[in-house]
Amino acid sequence: MSENQEQAQMPEQAVEAAQQPQLSINDLQNLRSIVDTAVRRGAFGANEMSAVGAAYDRVNAFLNAVAPQTDAASQTPAA
């Protein structure tokens, strides 16, 4: 492969890498709030509640596990 062909492929790879899906802690916190609001407003049927609750519990447990890590990282004094 010539250098020109290799260079032509590099921007395509960079574009693909830039378009990879991303999910942040803030996104998960928003999702937790959305599910909580939807449940309180009766958006889910009784037969769906256990699946929704289980998913909510997993997201909540994950956020509770990473929250101390992110809090500690933000409170660490800069050197």
Protein backbone atom coordinates (compact mmCIF):
# COMPACT_ATOMS: atom_id res chain seq x y z
CA MET A 1 0.00 0.00 0.00
CA SER A 2 1.40 3.40 -0.87
CA GLU A 3 1.78 6.23 1.65
CA ASN A 4 -1.06 8.18 0.00
CA GLN A 5 -3.45 5.28 0.40
CA GLU A 6 -2.45 4.81 4.05
CA GLN A 7 -2.93 8.53 4.72
CA ALA A 8 -6.33 8.46 3.03
CA GLN A 9 -7.46 5.68 5.37
CA MET A 10 -6.24 7.38 8.54
CA PRO A 11 -8.88 10.17 8.49
CA GLU A 12 -11.61 7.57 7.93
CA GLN A 13 -10.41 5.66 10.99
CA ALA A 14 -10.30 8.86 13.02
CA VAL A 15 -13.88 9.68 11.98
CA GLU A 16 -15.04 6.19 13.00
CA ALA A 17 -13.32 6.54 16.38
CA ALA A 18 -14.90 9.95 16.92
CA GLN A 19 -18.37 8.58 16.21
CA GLN A 20 -18.19 5.73 18.73
CA PRO A 21 -21.10 5.78 21.17
CA GLN A 22 -20.29 7.27 24.54
CA LEU A 23 -22.12 7.03 27.85
CA SER A 24 -21.21 9.10 30.88
CA ILE A 25 -22.06 8.89 34.57
CA ASN A 26 -24.27 11.93 34.07
CA ASP A 27 -26.21 10.05 31.36
CA LEU A 28 -26.81 7.18 33.77
CA GLN A 29 -27.93 9.57 36.51
CA ASN A 30 -30.39 11.12 34.06
CA LEU A 31 -31.64 7.65 33.10
CA ARG A 32 -32.18 6.81 36.77
CA SER A 33 -34.24 9.99 37.21
CA ILE A 34 -36.27 9.29 34.07
CA VAL A 35 -37.13 5.77 35.20
CA ASP A 36 -38.05 7.00 38.66
CA THR A 37 -40.34 9.69 37.21
CA ALA A 38 -41.93 7.26 34.74
CA VAL A 39 -42.68 4.76 37.53
CA ARG A 40 -44.24 7.43 39.74
CA ARG A 41 -46.43 8.56 36.83
CA GLY A 42 -47.61 5.03 36.10
CA ALA A 43 -45.92 4.66 32.72
CA PHE A 44 -45.30 0.94 33.23
CA GLY A 45 -47.78 -1.86 33.65
CA ALA A 46 -47.79 -4.20 36.63
CA ASN A 47 -46.30 -7.03 34.58
CA GLU A 48 -43.37 -4.76 33.58
CA MET A 49 -42.54 -3.42 37.03
CA SER A 50 -40.18 -6.21 38.10
CA ALA A 51 -38.04 -5.83 34.96
CA VAL A 52 -38.00 -2.04 35.30
CA GLY A 53 -37.17 -2.29 38.99
CA ALA A 54 -34.36 -4.75 38.37
CA ALA A 55 -32.83 -2.51 35.71
CA TYR A 56 -33.21 0.51 38.00
CA ASP A 57 -31.55 -1.37 40.86
CA ARG A 58 -28.55 -2.31 38.65
CA VAL A 59 -28.09 1.26 37.42
CA ASN A 60 -28.51 2.62 40.95
CA ALA A 61 -26.00 0.13 42.42
CA PHE A 62 -23.48 1.02 39.71
CA LEU A 63 -23.91 4.75 40.30
CA ASN A 64 -23.59 4.30 44.06
CA ALA A 65 -20.39 2.29 43.54
CA VAL A 66 -18.76 4.87 41.27
CA ALA A 67 -20.02 7.96 43.12
CA PRO A 68 -17.45 7.67 45.94
CA GLN A 69 -14.71 7.24 43.33
CA THR A 70 -15.75 10.32 41.38
CA ASP A 71 -16.25 12.35 44.57
CA ALA A 72 -12.79 11.36 45.85
CA ALA A 73 -11.21 12.19 42.51
CA SER A 74 -12.82 15.64 42.43
CA GLN A 75 -11.76 16.37 46.03
CA THR A 76 -8.13 15.36 45.52
CA PRO A 77 -6.02 18.53 45.69
CA ALA A 78 -4.20 19.39 42.51
CA ALA A 79 -0.43 19.18 42.80
